[in-house]
Amino acid sequence: QVQLVESGGGLVQAGGSLRLSCAASGRTFSSYAMAWFRQAPGKEREFVAGINRSGSTTWYADSAKGRFTMSGENAKTVAALQMNSLKPEDTAVYYCAARGRFWYVRPVSREDYDYWGQGTQVTVSS
């Protein structure tokens, strides 16, 4: 089993920045894609950003373009999300996700991902 653990959430003022990290543990696996999703109270979980296995390609939701940057694996972190110019509407629980299957079309739906973290709260005050 693969476990994903997010960290880096917190409370920040509008216009500020946060960096989320995702670490993997458990059996060794090779993800074909990693992603960040978020879920605000009363809303569906939505795609935020994704990255391919090599880290050479990223894709973003319109709400994240120009403000958020997703990066890939290093020694300890399998995925990170740098969030700048945060807005109150970015307030949500942010989830790290991994896909263990090959893909042809960039995966952006919950069903496209096989492993999930428990989430980390991001709160942006106005």
Foldseek 3Di string as FASTA:
>chain_A
DKAKAKDWADEEAAQAKIKMFIFMDDDDAQFQKKFKWWDDPPDDIWTAKMAGRVQPDMDGDPVQPPFKDKGADDDTTGIMIIGGRDDQVVWTWMKMFTARDHDDDDDTDPVRTDYIHPTDTHGYHD
